[in-house]
């Protein structure tokens, strides 16, 4: 475990993507490496009776606009590129998240995370279509067939369930969630707080 801050993520969350974009500069400034923990957002929602922002913001006057403004501020503050809305949203990320666990076991985790986020939010594709996902990941230089096959292994499926249950047990209800030791932070905006905490300000 160690004292490294943890980033609990699901590729289906555009805010997790923006956090992923912002993290390298935070690591550089603080000299601290983030530990990425793949979780299944759908599983967290189910366990906590939560819903996605797409559902909770629907029909609420001004709230969605505020979130858009907050995202603009985040993009400016952290100097990251905004995401391109995935026209196939919501994308079922079950196999993508399982493949993330497989990528950890195969030693290609960082490369895989970059690729999967890229094909979700930079050049958005229908990543819950197995053929589309396989082509996209292969185009990023990954052994897509191997990863997607390993994603179906019982130990891989169990690890993702365990990560997700652990997250809920520790207080998580969505993504992105961050932990610094026992302290939990939710949402990309709290990356500032995370950075302050790990740099001991």
Foldseek 3Di string as FASTA:
>chain_A
DPQAKEWEDFLQDQQSLLLVQLPVVLCVVQVGDYHYFYAQQVLLCVVVVHDDCVVVVPPPPPPVVVVVVVQVVSCVVSVGDHWDAAPLPPARRLLLSLLLLVCVVVVNNVLSVVQSNCCCTVVDDNCNPLVVVLVSSVVSVDNSVSSSVNSPDPVSSVSNVVSHVVCVVLPDRGPGWMDRDSDIDHTSVCVVVVSCVSNVD
